[in-house]
C-alpha atoms as a PDB file:
ATOM      1  CA  MET A   1      -3.460  11.849  24.260  1.00  0.00           C
ATOM      2  CA  PRO A   2      -5.702  14.469  25.958  1.00  0.00           C
ATOM      3  CA  SER A   3      -9.393  13.568  26.234  1.00  0.00           C
ATOM      4  CA  TRP A   4     -10.420  16.557  24.087  1.00  0.00           C
ATOM      5  CA  LEU A   5      -8.114  15.365  21.297  1.00  0.00           C
ATOM      6  CA  LYS A   6      -9.579  11.864  21.463  1.00  0.00           C
ATOM      7  CA  ARG A   7     -13.075  13.282  21.057  1.00  0.00           C
ATOM      8  CA  LEU A   8     -11.897  15.398  18.134  1.00  0.00           C
ATOM      9  CA  GLN A   9     -10.254  12.380  16.540  1.00  0.00           C
ATOM     10  CA  GLN A  10     -13.447  10.330  16.788  1.00  0.00           C
ATOM     11  CA  SER A  11     -15.537  13.133  15.322  1.00  0.00           C
ATOM     12  CA  VAL A  12     -13.368  13.996  12.324  1.00  0.00           C
ATOM     13  CA  ASN A  13     -11.582  10.760  11.344  1.00  0.00           C
ATOM     14  CA  GLY A  14     -14.713   9.169   9.926  1.00  0.00           C
ATOM     15  CA  ASP A  15     -15.502   5.525   9.261  1.00  0.00           C
ATOM     16  CA  LEU A  16     -13.449   3.329   7.005  1.00  0.00           C
ATOM     17  CA  VAL A  17     -14.273   3.884   3.331  1.00  0.00           C
ATOM     18  CA  VAL A  18     -13.984   1.306   0.549  1.00  0.00           C
ATOM     19  CA  ARG A  19     -13.156   3.045  -2.719  1.00  0.00           C
ATOM     20  CA  GLU A  20     -13.405   1.230  -6.035  1.00  0.00           C
ATOM     21  CA  ARG A  21     -11.308   2.466  -8.938  1.00  0.00           C
ATOM     22  CA  ARG A  22     -11.236   1.218 -12.496  1.00  0.00           C
ATOM     23  CA  VAL A  23      -7.720   1.366 -13.947  1.00  0.00           C
ATOM     24  CA  CYS A  24      -7.400   1.124 -17.740  1.00  0.00           C
ATOM     25  CA  LEU A  25      -3.903   0.036 -18.732  1.00  0.00           C
ATOM     26  CA  PRO A  26      -2.534  -0.033 -22.281  1.00  0.00           C
ATOM     27  CA  ASN A  27      -1.354  -3.442 -23.514  1.00  0.00           C
ATOM     28  CA  TRP A  28      -2.977  -5.174 -20.545  1.00  0.00           C
ATOM     29  CA  PRO A  29      -3.384  -8.872 -21.510  1.00  0.00           C
ATOM     30  CA  GLY A  30      -6.842 -10.324 -21.946  1.00  0.00           C
ATOM     31  CA  PRO A  31      -6.450 -13.200 -19.452  1.00  0.00           C
ATOM     32  CA  LEU A  32      -5.695 -10.625 -16.702  1.00  0.00           C
ATOM     33  CA  ASP A  33      -8.600  -8.350 -17.615  1.00  0.00           C
ATOM     34  CA  GLY A  34     -10.666  -7.614 -14.524  1.00  0.00           C
ATOM     35  CA  LEU A  35      -7.909  -8.441 -12.033  1.00  0.00           C
ATOM     36  CA  ARG A  36      -8.980  -7.092  -8.624  1.00  0.00           C
ATOM     37  CA  ILE A  37      -6.431  -5.816  -6.106  1.00  0.00           C
ATOM     38  CA  ALA A  38      -7.325  -4.772  -2.568  1.00  0.00           C
ATOM     39  CA  HIS A  39      -4.819  -2.038  -1.709  1.00  0.00           C
ATOM     40  CA  VAL A  40      -4.224  -1.307   1.986  1.00  0.00           C
ATOM     41  CA  SER A  41      -1.453   0.680   3.640  1.00  0.00           C
ATOM     42  CA  ASP A  42      -0.194   2.511   6.725  1.00  0.00           C
ATOM     43  CA  LEU A  43      -1.993   0.456   9.341  1.00  0.00           C
ATOM     44  CA  HIS A  44       0.351   1.768  12.072  1.00  0.00           C
ATOM     45  CA  PHE A  45      -0.496  -0.935  14.596  1.00  0.00           C
ATOM     46  CA  LEU A  46      -0.180   0.053  18.240  1.00  0.00           C
ATOM     47  CA  LYS A  47      -3.374  -1.361  19.728  1.00  0.00           C
ATOM     48  CA  TRP A  48      -6.338  -3.386  18.536  1.00  0.00           C
ATOM     49  CA  SER A  49      -9.310  -1.115  17.931  1.00  0.00           C
ATOM     50  CA  SER A  50     -12.747  -1.136  16.368  1.00  0.00           C
ATOM     51  CA  ALA A  51     -11.266   0.638  13.318  1.00  0.00           C
ATOM     52  CA  ILE A  52      -8.671  -2.139  12.870  1.00  0.00           C
ATOM     53  CA  GLU A  53     -11.363  -4.761  13.350  1.00  0.00           C
ATOM     54  CA  GLN A  54     -13.442  -3.048  10.677  1.00  0.00           C
ATOM     55  CA  ALA A  55     -10.485  -2.982   8.272  1.00  0.00           C
ATOM     56  CA  GLN A  56      -9.829  -6.691   8.846  1.00  0.00           C
ATOM     57  CA  GLN A  57     -13.497  -7.628   8.272  1.00  0.00           C
ATOM     58  CA  THR A  58     -13.620  -5.453   5.166  1.00  0.00           C
ATOM     59  CA  LEU A  59     -10.582  -7.149   3.613  1.00  0.00           C
ATOM     60  CA  ALA A  60     -12.052 -10.550   4.466  1.00  0.00           C
ATOM     61  CA  ARG A  61     -15.245  -9.699   2.577  1.00  0.00           C
ATOM     62  CA  LEU A  62     -13.826  -7.899  -0.465  1.00  0.00           C
ATOM     63  CA  PRO A  63     -14.030  -9.933  -3.702  1.00  0.00           C
ATOM     64  CA  CYS A  64     -10.381  -9.501  -4.639  1.00  0.00           C
ATOM     65  CA  ASP A  65      -7.785 -11.677  -6.353  1.00  0.00           C
ATOM     66  CA  LEU A  66      -4.794 -10.163  -4.575  1.00  0.00           C
ATOM     67  CA  ILE A  67      -4.177  -8.109  -1.411  1.00  0.00           C
ATOM     68  CA  ALA A  68      -1.352  -5.557  -1.633  1.00  0.00           C
ATOM     69  CA  ALA A  69      -0.049  -3.857   1.533  1.00  0.00           C
ATOM     70  CA  THR A  70       2.350  -0.962   0.985  1.00  0.00           C
ATOM     71  CA  GLY A  71       4.104  -0.536   4.302  1.00  0.00           C
ATOM     72  CA  ASP A  72       4.100   1.095   7.721  1.00  0.00           C
ATOM     73  CA  PHE A  73       2.580  -1.812   9.597  1.00  0.00           C
ATOM     74  CA  CYS A  74       4.238  -0.586  12.811  1.00  0.00           C
ATOM     75  CA  MET A  75       3.705   2.654  14.673  1.00  0.00           C
ATOM     76  CA  SER A  76       7.402   2.939  15.469  1.00  0.00           C
ATOM     77  CA  ARG A  77      10.416   0.687  15.747  1.00  0.00           C
ATOM     78  CA  ARG A  78      10.390   1.161  19.527  1.00  0.00           C
ATOM     79  CA  SER A  79       6.949  -0.470  19.749  1.00  0.00           C
ATOM     80  CA  PHE A  80       7.863  -3.281  17.325  1.00  0.00           C
ATOM     81  CA  LYS A  81       7.036  -6.163  19.726  1.00  0.00           C
ATOM     82  CA  ILE A  82       3.521  -4.851  20.225  1.00  0.00           C
ATOM     83  CA  SER A  83       3.024  -4.026  16.562  1.00  0.00           C
ATOM     84  CA  ILE A  84       4.224  -7.336  15.167  1.00  0.00           C
ATOM     85  CA  GLU A  85       1.745  -9.322  17.255  1.00  0.00           C
ATOM     86  CA  LEU A  86      -1.069  -7.119  15.946  1.00  0.00           C
ATOM     87  CA  VAL A  87       0.175  -7.546  12.373  1.00  0.00           C
ATOM     88  CA  ARG A  88       0.007 -11.298  12.846  1.00  0.00           C
ATOM     89  CA  ARG A  89      -3.465 -11.108  14.396  1.00  0.00           C
ATOM     90  CA  PHE A  90      -4.701  -8.913  11.561  1.00  0.00           C
ATOM     91  CA  PHE A  91      -3.445 -10.961   8.601  1.00  0.00           C
ATOM     92  CA  MET A  92      -3.759 -14.529   9.954  1.00  0.00           C
ATOM     93  CA  PRO A  93      -7.465 -14.999   8.999  1.00  0.00           C
ATOM     94  CA  LEU A  94      -7.167 -13.223   5.638  1.00  0.00           C
ATOM     95  CA  HIS A  95      -6.945 -14.932   2.263  1.00  0.00           C
ATOM     96  CA  ALA A  96      -6.742 -13.996  -1.405  1.00  0.00           C
ATOM     97  CA  PRO A  97      -6.514 -16.422  -4.365  1.00  0.00           C
ATOM     98  CA  LEU A  98      -3.215 -14.970  -5.634  1.00  0.00           C
ATOM     99  CA  GLY A  99      -1.877 -14.213  -2.162  1.00  0.00           C
ATOM    100  CA  ILE A 100      -1.181 -11.342   0.209  1.00  0.00           C
ATOM    101  CA  TYR A 101       1.986  -9.388  -0.539  1.00  0.00           C
ATOM    102  CA  GLY A 102       3.564  -6.334   1.015  1.00  0.00           C
ATOM    103  CA  VAL A 103       6.633  -4.158   1.419  1.00  0.00           C
ATOM    104  CA  ARG A 104       8.044  -2.441   4.484  1.00  0.00           C
ATOM    105  CA  GLY A 105       7.594   1.257   5.206  1.00  0.00           C
ATOM    106  CA  ASN A 106       9.843   3.698   7.021  1.00  0.00           C
ATOM    107  CA  HIS A 107       8.298   2.687  10.369  1.00  0.00           C
ATOM    108  CA  ASP A 108       9.079  -1.017   9.834  1.00  0.00           C
ATOM    109  CA  PRO A 109      12.393  -2.650  10.846  1.00  0.00           C
ATOM    110  CA  PRO A 110      14.406  -4.875   8.484  1.00  0.00           C
ATOM    111  CA  CYS A 111      13.827  -7.963  10.641  1.00  0.00           C
ATOM    112  CA  MET A 112      10.069  -7.803  10.190  1.00  0.00           C
ATOM    113  CA  ALA A 113       9.808 -10.506   7.543  1.00  0.00           C
ATOM    114  CA  LEU A 114      11.374 -13.078   9.893  1.00  0.00           C
ATOM    115  CA  HIS A 115       8.432 -12.695  12.279  1.00  0.00           C
ATOM    116  CA  LEU A 116       5.823 -13.235   9.570  1.00  0.00           C
ATOM    117  CA  VAL A 117       7.033 -16.389   7.802  1.00  0.00           C
ATOM    118  CA  ASP A 118       4.107 -18.446   9.143  1.00  0.00           C
ATOM    119  CA  THR A 119       1.448 -15.878   8.206  1.00  0.00           C
ATOM    120  CA  PRO A 120      -0.380 -15.259   4.902  1.00  0.00           C
ATOM    121  CA  LEU A 121       1.457 -11.931   4.512  1.00  0.00           C
ATOM    122  CA  ARG A 122       4.616 -12.217   2.400  1.00  0.00           C
ATOM    123  CA  LEU A 123       6.990  -9.251   2.379  1.00  0.00           C
ATOM    124  CA  ILE A 124       8.738  -8.932  -0.982  1.00  0.00           C
ATOM    125  CA  ASP A 125      11.167  -6.018  -0.536  1.00  0.00           C
ATOM    126  CA  GLU A 126      13.744  -6.216  -3.354  1.00  0.00           C
ATOM    127  CA  GLN A 127      12.020  -9.296  -4.752  1.00  0.00           C
ATOM    128  CA  THR A 128      10.053 -10.189  -7.863  1.00  0.00           C
ATOM    129  CA  CYS A 129       7.259 -12.732  -7.815  1.00  0.00           C
ATOM    130  CA  VAL A 130       5.741 -14.097 -11.030  1.00  0.00           C
ATOM    131  CA  LEU A 131       2.073 -14.895 -10.382  1.00  0.00           C
ATOM    132  CA  GLN A 132      -0.305 -16.776 -12.651  1.00  0.00           C
ATOM    133  CA  LEU A 133      -3.948 -15.946 -13.406  1.00  0.00           C
ATOM    134  CA  ASN A 134      -5.958 -17.701 -16.115  1.00  0.00           C
ATOM    135  CA  GLY A 135      -2.684 -19.084 -17.472  1.00  0.00           C
ATOM    136  CA  ALA A 136      -1.120 -15.631 -17.871  1.00  0.00           C
ATOM    137  CA  PRO A 137       1.957 -14.458 -15.901  1.00  0.00           C
ATOM    138  CA  LEU A 138       2.064 -11.258 -13.865  1.00  0.00           C
ATOM    139  CA  ASN A 139       5.177  -9.688 -12.339  1.00  0.00           C
ATOM    140  CA  LEU A 140       4.720  -8.389  -8.799  1.00  0.00           C
ATOM    141  CA  VAL A 141       7.799  -6.415  -7.746  1.00  0.00           C
ATOM    142  CA  GLY A 142       8.592  -5.123  -4.267  1.00  0.00           C
ATOM    143  CA  VAL A 143      10.758  -1.993  -4.185  1.00  0.00           C
ATOM    144  CA  GLY A 144      12.075  -1.454  -0.664  1.00  0.00           C
ATOM    145  CA  ILE A 145      12.475   1.709   1.339  1.00  0.00           C
ATOM    146  CA  ARG A 146      15.291   4.089   0.486  1.00  0.00           C
ATOM    147  CA  GLY A 147      18.842   2.952   1.078  1.00  0.00           C
ATOM    148  CA  ARG A 148      22.301   2.822  -0.407  1.00  0.00           C
ATOM    149  CA  ARG A 149      22.789   2.235  -4.140  1.00  0.00           C
ATOM    150  CA  PRO A 150      19.069   2.208  -5.069  1.00  0.00           C
ATOM    151  CA  GLY A 151      19.919   2.000  -8.769  1.00  0.00           C
ATOM    152  CA  GLU A 152      21.870  -1.216  -8.355  1.00  0.00           C
ATOM    153  CA  ARG A 153      19.126  -2.765  -6.241  1.00  0.00           C
ATOM    154  CA  LEU A 154      16.477  -1.778  -8.785  1.00  0.00           C
ATOM    155  CA  ASP A 155      18.466  -3.279 -11.666  1.00  0.00           C
ATOM    156  CA  LYS A 156      18.831  -6.540  -9.794  1.00  0.00           C
ATOM    157  CA  THR A 157      15.197  -6.714  -8.691  1.00  0.00           C
ATOM    158  CA  MET A 158      13.694  -5.705 -12.033  1.00  0.00           C
ATOM    159  CA  GLY A 159      16.037  -8.074 -13.835  1.00  0.00           C
ATOM    160  CA  ARG A 160      14.148 -11.034 -12.362  1.00  0.00           C
ATOM    161  CA  ARG A 161      10.904 -10.151 -14.165  1.00  0.00           C
ATOM    162  CA  ASP A 162       9.248 -12.255 -16.825  1.00  0.00           C
ATOM    163  CA  PRO A 163       9.939 -10.045 -19.867  1.00  0.00           C
ATOM    164  CA  HIS A 164       6.659 -11.081 -21.502  1.00  0.00           C
ATOM    165  CA  ALA A 165       4.430 -10.265 -18.515  1.00  0.00           C
ATOM    166  CA  PRO A 166       3.012  -6.963 -17.220  1.00  0.00           C
ATOM    167  CA  THR A 167       4.510  -5.523 -14.042  1.00  0.00           C
ATOM    168  CA  ILE A 168       2.945  -4.124 -10.888  1.00  0.00           C
ATOM    169  CA  VAL A 169       5.284  -2.462  -8.381  1.00  0.00           C
ATOM    170  CA  LEU A 170       4.612  -2.290  -4.629  1.00  0.00           C
ATOM    171  CA  THR A 171       6.510   0.444  -2.821  1.00  0.00           C
ATOM    172  CA  HIS A 172       6.005   2.630   0.226  1.00  0.00           C
ATOM    173  CA  TYR A 173       7.062   6.027  -1.126  1.00  0.00           C
ATOM    174  CA  PRO A 174       5.041   7.456  -4.049  1.00  0.00           C
ATOM    175  CA  SER A 175       8.115   9.272  -5.340  1.00  0.00           C
ATOM    176  CA  THR A 176       9.647   5.874  -6.163  1.00  0.00           C
ATOM    177  CA  VAL A 177       7.555   6.034  -9.338  1.00  0.00           C
ATOM    178  CA  ARG A 178      10.198   8.278 -10.892  1.00  0.00           C
ATOM    179  CA  HIS A 179      12.983   5.749 -10.174  1.00  0.00           C
ATOM    180  CA  VAL A 180      11.097   2.783 -11.660  1.00  0.00           C
ATOM    181  CA  ARG A 181       9.948   4.698 -14.764  1.00  0.00           C
ATOM    182  CA  PRO A 182      12.837   3.418 -16.976  1.00  0.00           C
ATOM    183  CA  TYR A 183      11.635  -0.157 -16.348  1.00  0.00           C
ATOM    184  CA  ARG A 184       8.168   0.673 -17.736  1.00  0.00           C
ATOM    185  CA  PRO A 185       5.923  -0.851 -15.037  1.00  0.00           C
ATOM    186  CA  ASP A 186       2.206  -0.938 -15.775  1.00  0.00           C
ATOM    187  CA  LEU A 187       1.138   0.226 -12.309  1.00  0.00           C
ATOM    188  CA  VAL A 188       2.775   1.408  -9.083  1.00  0.00           C
ATOM    189  CA  LEU A 189       0.996   1.072  -5.718  1.00  0.00           C
ATOM    190  CA  SER A 190       2.142   3.066  -2.687  1.00  0.00           C
ATOM    191  CA  GLY A 191       1.127   4.682   0.584  1.00  0.00           C
ATOM    192  CA  HIS A 192       3.104   6.794   3.081  1.00  0.00           C
ATOM    193  CA  THR A 193       1.327  10.138   2.510  1.00  0.00           C
ATOM    194  CA  HIS A 194      -1.939   9.139   4.240  1.00  0.00           C
ATOM    195  CA  GLY A 195      -3.500  11.175   1.444  1.00  0.00           C
ATOM    196  CA  GLY A 196      -2.247  14.199   3.367  1.00  0.00           C
ATOM    197  CA  GLN A 197      -4.184  13.019   6.462  1.00  0.00           C
ATOM    198  CA  VAL A 198      -5.514  16.587   6.728  1.00  0.00           C
ATOM    199  CA  ARG A 199      -7.004  17.861   3.446  1.00  0.00           C
ATOM    200  CA  PHE A 200      -8.410  21.304   2.805  1.00  0.00           C
ATOM    201  CA  PRO A 201     -11.236  22.186   0.393  1.00  0.00           C
ATOM    202  CA  TRP A 202      -9.900  23.233  -3.038  1.00  0.00           C
ATOM    203  CA  LEU A 203      -6.313  22.672  -1.843  1.00  0.00           C
ATOM    204  CA  GLY A 204      -6.343  18.938  -1.152  1.00  0.00           C
ATOM    205  CA  CYS A 205      -3.146  17.514   0.285  1.00  0.00           C
ATOM    206  CA  VAL A 206      -0.842  20.241   1.569  1.00  0.00           C
ATOM    207  CA  PHE A 207       1.883  18.160   3.255  1.00  0.00           C
ATOM    208  CA  PRO A 208       2.605  14.917   1.360  1.00  0.00           C
ATOM    209  CA  HIS A 209       5.792  14.218   3.382  1.00  0.00           C
ATOM    210  CA  ASP A 210       7.421  12.858   0.260  1.00  0.00           C
ATOM    211  CA  ALA A 211       9.174  14.193  -2.819  1.00  0.00           C
ATOM    212  CA  ILE A 212       5.962  13.992  -4.813  1.00  0.00           C
ATOM    213  CA  HIS A 213       3.763  16.854  -5.951  1.00  0.00           C
ATOM    214  CA  PRO A 214       0.785  17.331  -3.559  1.00  0.00           C
ATOM    215  CA  THR A 215      -1.652  16.770  -6.433  1.00  0.00           C
ATOM    216  CA  GLN A 216      -0.093  13.312  -6.967  1.00  0.00           C
ATOM    217  CA  ALA A 217       0.020  12.342  -3.290  1.00  0.00           C
ATOM    218  CA  TYR A 218      -3.392  10.693  -3.276  1.00  0.00           C
ATOM    219  CA  GLY A 219      -5.536   8.665  -5.627  1.00  0.00           C
ATOM    220  CA  LEU A 220      -4.835   7.517  -9.168  1.00  0.00           C
ATOM    221  CA  ASN A 221      -2.533   9.709 -11.250  1.00  0.00           C
ATOM    222  CA  ARG A 222      -0.316   9.477 -14.297  1.00  0.00           C
ATOM    223  CA  VAL A 223       3.218  10.371 -13.149  1.00  0.00           C
ATOM    224  CA  SER A 224       6.157  10.469 -15.546  1.00  0.00           C
ATOM    225  CA  GLY A 225       4.206   8.255 -17.924  1.00  0.00           C
ATOM    226  CA  VAL A 226       3.400   5.614 -15.269  1.00  0.00           C
ATOM    227  CA  TRP A 227       0.110   5.011 -13.493  1.00  0.00           C
ATOM    228  CA  LEU A 228       0.490   5.562  -9.743  1.00  0.00           C
ATOM    229  CA  HIS A 229      -2.102   4.767  -7.093  1.00  0.00           C
ATOM    230  CA  VAL A 230      -1.588   6.236  -3.617  1.00  0.00           C
ATOM    231  CA  THR A 231      -4.007   5.160  -0.909  1.00  0.00           C
ATOM    232  CA  ALA A 232      -4.889   7.299   2.108  1.00  0.00           C
ATOM    233  CA  GLY A 233      -4.285   4.229   4.255  1.00  0.00           C
ATOM    234  CA  VAL A 234      -5.918   3.206   7.510  1.00  0.00           C
ATOM    235  CA  GLY A 235      -3.849   4.546  10.419  1.00  0.00           C
ATOM    236  CA  THR A 236      -2.587   7.957  11.462  1.00  0.00           C
ATOM    237  CA  THR A 237       0.660   9.461  12.725  1.00  0.00           C
ATOM    238  CA  GLY A 238       2.050  12.874  13.507  1.00  0.00           C
ATOM    239  CA  PRO A 239       1.667  15.420  16.244  1.00  0.00           C
ATOM    240  CA  LEU A 240      -2.101  15.605  15.645  1.00  0.00           C
ATOM    241  CA  ASP A 241      -3.266  12.018  15.386  1.00  0.00           C
ATOM    242  CA  VAL A 242      -6.389  12.888  13.371  1.00  0.00           C
ATOM    243  CA  ARG A 243      -7.786  12.854   9.860  1.00  0.00           C
ATOM    244  CA  ILE A 244      -9.752  15.770   8.449  1.00  0.00           C
ATOM    245  CA  ASN A 245     -11.508  15.462   5.072  1.00  0.00           C
ATOM    246  CA  CYS A 246      -9.459  12.300   4.526  1.00  0.00           C
ATOM    247  CA  PRO A 247     -11.119   9.211   6.036  1.00  0.00           C
ATOM    248  CA  PRO A 248      -9.258   5.897   6.384  1.00  0.00           C
ATOM    249  CA  GLU A 249      -9.687   3.723   3.327  1.00  0.00           C
ATOM    250  CA  ILE A 250      -9.119   0.465   1.557  1.00  0.00           C
ATOM    251  CA  THR A 251      -9.178   0.596  -2.232  1.00  0.00           C
ATOM    252  CA  LEU A 252     -10.387  -2.103  -4.583  1.00  0.00           C
ATOM    253  CA  LEU A 253      -8.694  -1.646  -7.942  1.00  0.00           C
ATOM    254  CA  HIS A 254     -10.188  -3.217 -11.068  1.00  0.00           C
ATOM    255  CA  LEU A 255      -7.540  -3.559 -13.794  1.00  0.00           C
ATOM    256  CA  HIS A 256      -8.643  -3.553 -17.428  1.00  0.00           C
ATOM    257  CA  GLY A 257      -7.138  -3.128 -20.847  1.00  0.00           C
END
C-alpha cells in the first residue's frame, strides 16, 4: 500500500466505536429479557494491529451474555495460515457466559472449524444450538455461506430447533434474511457489507455488495417481517482499504420484549 494511502486510511477510518442498540421483539420470553449480545464481524485478519488489539480489549470488557461473530475472519483464502493464527490469538482470551459462536464468511475456507476446536470460538455453520438462560431455552442457528441446495440445508438446520424457544440466526450475508423468513426467526445477525465501508451524507451505503437494499445494509431494520441487524464490522477490504463516514464497530444488542 502506498504511504499516502496509509496516511489517508489512518485519518479517515476512525477509532473503533461501540454502539448499543435496544431491540424490542414481540413474544420475547420474560426469562430472556435483557439478553445482551456482542455482535462483531468482518475482522479480516492479516496482521496484528492496534485496531485489532482495541477490538479484543473491547470485547473482553463488554458486559455481554453472548458473543456472535458473523464471518470473514480471514483476509483471503491464500493467506489462511496467517489469518488462522491471528483468529486463535484474538479469541483465546475472550469469554462470554453463554459462549462465543460464529459462522464463516465468503473469505473463510470450509476447513476453518478444524483449526479452532481448542478455542472459545465455535463455528456453527448449518447447525442449531439450544442455549439456556434463566431456565429458558434459546435457539441459536448458524446459516452458512451460499452453496448448493440452500433450501434443503435450511430445512434440515431449522428442523433441529426447540419449537417452543425463540430463534436467533447468525449468517454472513444480510440477504439471507429473505430465505429464513418462512421459519419466523426473531432476529437475524449478519455482516459482509461493512456498512458500505464508504458512506456518503444523505445517501448512506451506496455499494452493499449483497442482494440487499442499500438502506438495509447497515444497522437495525425490519426486512420482510424479520428484524435484521447488520454491523459495519471491524476490518476493511477492497481496492481502497479505507473507511469513510463508517468507522469500525462492535455492537452491543440489548434484547427485550
